Amino acid sequence: MSSQRVNARDFAASGQHDHIATLQSGLHFHGIYVLREKPEIATVGGEQCFSFWIADLTGRMRCTIPTYKLAWHGSPEFQSQRLLIEAYAEGEGAYLVGRVKRMDPVEMDW
């Protein structure tokens, strides 16, 4: 995954970030979120997926993306990174999960 550069001030002013604390089942969401831990492989509905936690200033949530949609080249020395994510939320309460449609690494210009 190659990263794109994003100006933090411009992105914040655009209103394109959906805060995790406001998400509910059935909502599509978009924003820049932090991935702090190395993704794991999980089986979701019989499909092999990457499973990982994303966070923003309002909270965190588990997300999944099918492995065939992403060429993840993890390294043993995992470092947290910012990701531009498009997804939809499903489940309820503590079981709310983001089903990721698209995810791209970003580098922020502060």
N, C-alpha and C. Protein backbone atom coordinates (compact mmCIF):
# COMPACT_ATOMS: atom_id res chain seq x y z
N MET A 1 0.84 -1.17 0.00
CA MET A 1 0.00 0.00 0.00
C MET A 1 0.89 1.24 0.00
N SER A 2 0.74 2.09 -1.00
CA SER A 2 1.47 3.34 -1.01
C SER A 2 0.61 4.42 -0.36
N SER A 3 1.25 5.36 0.32
CA SER A 3 0.48 6.34 1.08
C SER A 3 0.32 7.64 0.30
N GLN A 4 -0.73 8.36 0.63
CA GLN A 4 -0.98 9.67 0.06
C GLN A 4 -0.80 10.71 1.16
N ARG A 5 -0.51 11.94 0.78
CA ARG A 5 -0.33 13.02 1.74
C ARG A 5 -1.65 13.78 1.89
N VAL A 6 -1.98 14.10 3.13
CA VAL A 6 -3.21 14.82 3.43
C VAL A 6 -2.88 15.99 4.36
N ASN A 7 -3.39 17.17 4.04
CA ASN A 7 -3.22 18.32 4.91
C ASN A 7 -4.25 18.23 6.03
N ALA A 8 -3.79 18.15 7.26
CA ALA A 8 -4.67 17.93 8.41
C ALA A 8 -5.71 19.04 8.56
N ARG A 9 -5.32 20.27 8.40
CA ARG A 9 -6.25 21.39 8.56
C ARG A 9 -7.33 21.37 7.48
N ASP A 10 -6.93 21.13 6.23
CA ASP A 10 -7.91 21.07 5.14
C ASP A 10 -8.88 19.91 5.33
N PHE A 11 -8.35 18.76 5.75
CA PHE A 11 -9.22 17.59 5.93
C PHE A 11 -10.22 17.85 7.06
N ALA A 12 -9.75 18.43 8.16
CA ALA A 12 -10.65 18.72 9.29
C ALA A 12 -11.75 19.70 8.87
N ALA A 13 -11.39 20.70 8.08
CA ALA A 13 -12.37 21.70 7.63
C ALA A 13 -13.37 21.13 6.63
N SER A 14 -13.01 20.04 5.97
CA SER A 14 -13.88 19.45 4.94
C SER A 14 -15.11 18.75 5.52
N GLY A 15 -15.05 18.40 6.81
CA GLY A 15 -16.17 17.68 7.43
C GLY A 15 -16.30 16.25 6.96
N GLN A 16 -15.25 15.68 6.39
CA GLN A 16 -15.31 14.32 5.84
C GLN A 16 -14.99 13.23 6.86
N HIS A 17 -14.81 13.58 8.11
CA HIS A 17 -14.47 12.57 9.12
C HIS A 17 -15.68 12.26 9.98
N ASP A 18 -16.08 10.99 10.02
CA ASP A 18 -17.16 10.54 10.89
C ASP A 18 -16.54 10.00 12.18
N HIS A 19 -16.91 10.59 13.31
CA HIS A 19 -16.35 10.19 14.59
C HIS A 19 -16.88 8.83 15.03
N ILE A 20 -16.00 7.99 15.54
CA ILE A 20 -16.37 6.64 15.96
C ILE A 20 -17.51 6.67 16.98
N ALA A 21 -17.47 7.61 17.90
CA ALA A 21 -18.50 7.67 18.96
C ALA A 21 -19.91 7.92 18.40
N THR A 22 -20.01 8.43 17.18
CA THR A 22 -21.33 8.74 16.60
C THR A 22 -21.86 7.63 15.71
N LEU A 23 -21.08 6.59 15.48
CA LEU A 23 -21.49 5.55 14.53
C LEU A 23 -22.56 4.63 15.10
N GLN A 24 -23.45 4.21 14.21
CA GLN A 24 -24.51 3.27 14.55
C GLN A 24 -24.61 2.25 13.43
N SER A 25 -25.21 1.11 13.74
CA SER A 25 -25.38 0.05 12.76
C SER A 25 -26.11 0.58 11.53
N GLY A 26 -25.60 0.22 10.36
CA GLY A 26 -26.22 0.61 9.10
C GLY A 26 -25.67 1.89 8.50
N LEU A 27 -24.84 2.63 9.26
CA LEU A 27 -24.28 3.88 8.75
C LEU A 27 -22.99 3.63 7.98
N HIS A 28 -22.86 4.32 6.86
CA HIS A 28 -21.59 4.33 6.14
C HIS A 28 -20.73 5.41 6.79
N PHE A 29 -19.43 5.16 6.87
CA PHE A 29 -18.56 6.16 7.47
C PHE A 29 -17.26 6.29 6.71
N HIS A 30 -16.62 7.43 6.91
CA HIS A 30 -15.42 7.80 6.17
C HIS A 30 -14.57 8.68 7.07
N GLY A 31 -13.27 8.51 7.01
CA GLY A 31 -12.40 9.38 7.79
C GLY A 31 -10.99 8.84 7.87
N ILE A 32 -10.18 9.57 8.60
CA ILE A 32 -8.80 9.16 8.85
C ILE A 32 -8.75 8.65 10.28
N TYR A 33 -8.33 7.41 10.42
CA TYR A 33 -8.30 6.73 11.71
C TYR A 33 -6.90 6.17 11.94
N VAL A 34 -6.58 5.92 13.20
CA VAL A 34 -5.26 5.39 13.56
C VAL A 34 -5.36 3.88 13.77
N LEU A 35 -4.43 3.18 13.16
CA LEU A 35 -4.27 1.74 13.36
C LEU A 35 -3.06 1.59 14.29
N ARG A 36 -3.29 1.10 15.51
CA ARG A 36 -2.22 1.05 16.51
C ARG A 36 -1.61 -0.33 16.67
N GLU A 37 -2.32 -1.36 16.23
CA GLU A 37 -1.84 -2.73 16.41
C GLU A 37 -1.85 -3.47 15.08
N LYS A 38 -0.97 -4.41 14.96
CA LYS A 38 -0.87 -5.22 13.74
C LYS A 38 -2.18 -5.99 13.52
N PRO A 39 -2.72 -5.96 12.30
CA PRO A 39 -3.94 -6.72 12.00
C PRO A 39 -3.72 -8.22 12.17
N GLU A 40 -4.82 -8.90 12.50
CA GLU A 40 -4.80 -10.36 12.62
C GLU A 40 -5.63 -10.94 11.48
N ILE A 41 -5.42 -12.20 11.20
CA ILE A 41 -6.25 -12.91 10.22
C ILE A 41 -7.41 -13.56 10.97
N ALA A 42 -8.62 -13.37 10.44
CA ALA A 42 -9.82 -13.95 11.06
C ALA A 42 -10.73 -14.45 9.95
N THR A 43 -11.62 -15.35 10.29
CA THR A 43 -12.63 -15.82 9.35
C THR A 43 -13.96 -15.18 9.74
N VAL A 44 -14.54 -14.45 8.79
CA VAL A 44 -15.80 -13.75 9.01
C VAL A 44 -16.78 -14.22 7.95
N GLY A 45 -17.83 -14.91 8.37
CA GLY A 45 -18.82 -15.42 7.42
C GLY A 45 -18.21 -16.34 6.38
N GLY A 46 -17.22 -17.14 6.79
CA GLY A 46 -16.57 -18.07 5.88
C GLY A 46 -15.52 -17.44 4.99
N GLU A 47 -15.25 -16.16 5.17
CA GLU A 47 -14.29 -15.44 4.34
C GLU A 47 -13.08 -15.02 5.17
N GLN A 48 -11.88 -15.20 4.61
CA GLN A 48 -10.66 -14.81 5.32
C GLN A 48 -10.51 -13.29 5.26
N CYS A 49 -10.34 -12.69 6.44
CA CYS A 49 -10.28 -11.23 6.55
C CYS A 49 -9.12 -10.79 7.44
N PHE A 50 -8.69 -9.55 7.23
CA PHE A 50 -7.84 -8.89 8.21
C PHE A 50 -8.78 -8.29 9.24
N SER A 51 -8.46 -8.46 10.51
CA SER A 51 -9.25 -7.91 11.61
C SER A 51 -8.33 -6.99 12.41
N PHE A 52 -8.81 -5.79 12.71
CA PHE A 52 -7.96 -4.80 13.37
C PHE A 52 -8.82 -3.76 14.07
N TRP A 53 -8.18 -3.01 14.97
CA TRP A 53 -8.84 -1.93 15.70
C TRP A 53 -8.41 -0.59 15.12
N ILE A 54 -9.38 0.31 14.90
CA ILE A 54 -9.07 1.68 14.51
C ILE A 54 -9.50 2.60 15.65
N ALA A 55 -8.92 3.80 15.68
CA ALA A 55 -9.26 4.75 16.74
C ALA A 55 -9.23 6.17 16.20
N ASP A 56 -10.02 7.02 16.85
CA ASP A 56 -9.92 8.47 16.67
C ASP A 56 -10.04 9.08 18.06
N LEU A 57 -10.19 10.38 18.15
CA LEU A 57 -10.24 11.02 19.46
C LEU A 57 -11.50 10.67 20.25
N THR A 58 -12.51 10.08 19.59
CA THR A 58 -13.78 9.80 20.27
C THR A 58 -13.96 8.35 20.69
N GLY A 59 -13.09 7.46 20.24
CA GLY A 59 -13.24 6.05 20.60
C GLY A 59 -12.47 5.13 19.67
N ARG A 60 -12.82 3.84 19.77
CA ARG A 60 -12.17 2.85 18.90
C ARG A 60 -13.19 1.79 18.53
N MET A 61 -12.92 1.08 17.44
CA MET A 61 -13.82 0.00 17.02
C MET A 61 -13.04 -1.02 16.20
N ARG A 62 -13.55 -2.24 16.24
CA ARG A 62 -12.96 -3.31 15.44
C ARG A 62 -13.46 -3.16 14.01
N CYS A 63 -12.57 -3.47 13.06
CA CYS A 63 -12.91 -3.45 11.64
C CYS A 63 -12.40 -4.72 10.98
N THR A 64 -13.01 -5.06 9.85
CA THR A 64 -12.53 -6.17 9.04
C THR A 64 -12.53 -5.75 7.58
N ILE A 65 -11.63 -6.37 6.81
CA ILE A 65 -11.60 -6.22 5.37
C ILE A 65 -11.14 -7.55 4.79
N PRO A 66 -11.83 -8.06 3.76
CA PRO A 66 -11.41 -9.33 3.16
C PRO A 66 -9.96 -9.24 2.67
N THR A 67 -9.20 -10.30 2.89
CA THR A 67 -7.78 -10.28 2.52
C THR A 67 -7.57 -10.08 1.03
N TYR A 68 -8.52 -10.51 0.19
CA TYR A 68 -8.33 -10.36 -1.25
C TYR A 68 -8.42 -8.90 -1.70
N LYS A 69 -8.97 -8.03 -0.87
CA LYS A 69 -9.11 -6.61 -1.24
C LYS A 69 -7.87 -5.79 -0.92
N LEU A 70 -6.91 -6.40 -0.25
CA LEU A 70 -5.80 -5.62 0.27
C LEU A 70 -4.51 -6.40 0.20
N ALA A 71 -3.49 -5.79 -0.34
CA ALA A 71 -2.16 -6.42 -0.36
C ALA A 71 -1.38 -5.89 0.84
N TRP A 72 -1.65 -6.47 2.00
CA TRP A 72 -1.01 -6.01 3.24
C TRP A 72 0.35 -6.66 3.37
N HIS A 73 1.36 -5.83 3.49
CA HIS A 73 2.72 -6.34 3.66
C HIS A 73 3.20 -5.96 5.05
N GLY A 74 2.74 -6.70 6.02
CA GLY A 74 3.12 -6.41 7.40
C GLY A 74 4.56 -6.78 7.67
N SER A 75 5.15 -6.11 8.63
CA SER A 75 6.51 -6.43 9.03
C SER A 75 6.49 -6.76 10.52
N PRO A 76 7.50 -7.50 10.98
CA PRO A 76 7.56 -7.84 12.41
C PRO A 76 7.64 -6.59 13.30
N GLU A 77 8.20 -5.51 12.78
CA GLU A 77 8.34 -4.26 13.53
C GLU A 77 7.17 -3.34 13.20
N PHE A 78 5.96 -3.76 13.53
CA PHE A 78 4.77 -2.97 13.19
C PHE A 78 4.81 -1.60 13.85
N GLN A 79 4.45 -0.57 13.08
CA GLN A 79 4.32 0.79 13.60
C GLN A 79 2.91 1.27 13.34
N SER A 80 2.37 2.04 14.27
CA SER A 80 1.02 2.57 14.06
C SER A 80 1.03 3.45 12.82
N GLN A 81 -0.16 3.57 12.21
CA GLN A 81 -0.27 4.37 11.01
C GLN A 81 -1.67 4.95 10.88
N ARG A 82 -1.77 5.99 10.10
CA ARG A 82 -3.07 6.60 9.82
C ARG A 82 -3.61 6.03 8.52
N LEU A 83 -4.91 5.75 8.52
CA LEU A 83 -5.56 5.17 7.35
C LEU A 83 -6.79 5.98 6.97
N LEU A 84 -6.95 6.22 5.69
CA LEU A 84 -8.18 6.80 5.16
C LEU A 84 -9.10 5.63 4.87
N ILE A 85 -10.23 5.57 5.57
CA ILE A 85 -11.10 4.39 5.51
C ILE A 85 -12.50 4.78 5.06
N GLU A 86 -13.06 3.95 4.18
CA GLU A 86 -14.48 4.01 3.81
C GLU A 86 -15.06 2.68 4.22
N ALA A 87 -16.14 2.71 5.01
CA ALA A 87 -16.70 1.46 5.55
C ALA A 87 -18.16 1.67 5.93
N TYR A 88 -18.77 0.60 6.40
CA TYR A 88 -20.11 0.71 6.99
C TYR A 88 -20.11 -0.05 8.30
N ALA A 89 -20.96 0.42 9.21
CA ALA A 89 -21.02 -0.16 10.55
C ALA A 89 -22.16 -1.15 10.63
N GLU A 90 -21.90 -2.25 11.34
CA GLU A 90 -22.98 -3.21 11.60
C GLU A 90 -22.78 -3.80 12.99
N GLY A 91 -23.87 -4.26 13.58
CA GLY A 91 -23.85 -4.77 14.95
C GLY A 91 -24.40 -3.72 15.89
N GLU A 92 -24.31 -4.00 17.18
CA GLU A 92 -24.86 -3.09 18.18
C GLU A 92 -23.90 -2.92 19.35
N GLY A 93 -23.88 -1.74 19.92
CA GLY A 93 -23.12 -1.46 21.13
C GLY A 93 -21.66 -1.87 21.03
N ALA A 94 -21.22 -2.68 21.99
CA ALA A 94 -19.83 -3.13 22.02
C ALA A 94 -19.50 -4.07 20.86
N TYR A 95 -20.54 -4.55 20.16
CA TYR A 95 -20.34 -5.47 19.04
C TYR A 95 -20.42 -4.76 17.69
N LEU A 96 -20.34 -3.44 17.69
CA LEU A 96 -20.34 -2.67 16.45
C LEU A 96 -19.01 -2.91 15.73
N VAL A 97 -19.09 -3.28 14.47
CA VAL A 97 -17.90 -3.59 13.67
C VAL A 97 -17.95 -2.80 12.37
N GLY A 98 -16.81 -2.30 11.94
CA GLY A 98 -16.71 -1.62 10.65
C GLY A 98 -16.33 -2.62 9.57
N ARG A 99 -17.15 -2.72 8.54
CA ARG A 99 -16.84 -3.56 7.38
C ARG A 99 -16.23 -2.65 6.32
N VAL A 100 -14.93 -2.74 6.16
CA VAL A 100 -14.18 -1.80 5.34
C VAL A 100 -14.33 -2.13 3.86
N LYS A 101 -14.69 -1.09 3.09
CA LYS A 101 -14.77 -1.21 1.64
C LYS A 101 -13.47 -0.78 0.99
N ARG A 102 -12.85 0.25 1.58
CA ARG A 102 -11.60 0.78 1.03
C ARG A 102 -10.78 1.35 2.17
N MET A 103 -9.46 1.18 2.03
CA MET A 103 -8.56 1.69 3.06
C MET A 103 -7.22 2.00 2.41
N ASP A 104 -6.71 3.19 2.68
CA ASP A 104 -5.44 3.64 2.12
C ASP A 104 -4.62 4.33 3.21
N PRO A 105 -3.33 4.05 3.28
CA PRO A 105 -2.48 4.74 4.26
C PRO A 105 -2.33 6.21 3.87
N VAL A 106 -2.23 7.07 4.87
CA VAL A 106 -2.02 8.49 4.63
C VAL A 106 -0.90 9.01 5.51
N GLU A 107 -0.25 10.05 5.02
CA GLU A 107 0.73 10.79 5.80
C GLU A 107 0.15 12.18 5.98
N MET A 108 0.13 12.63 7.21
CA MET A 108 -0.49 13.92 7.52
C MET A 108 0.54 15.05 7.46
N ASP A 109 0.16 16.13 6.82
CA ASP A 109 0.92 17.38 6.87
C ASP A 109 0.24 18.25 7.91
N TRP A 110 0.93 18.49 9.02
CA TRP A 110 0.35 19.27 10.11
C TRP A 110 0.69 20.71 9.91
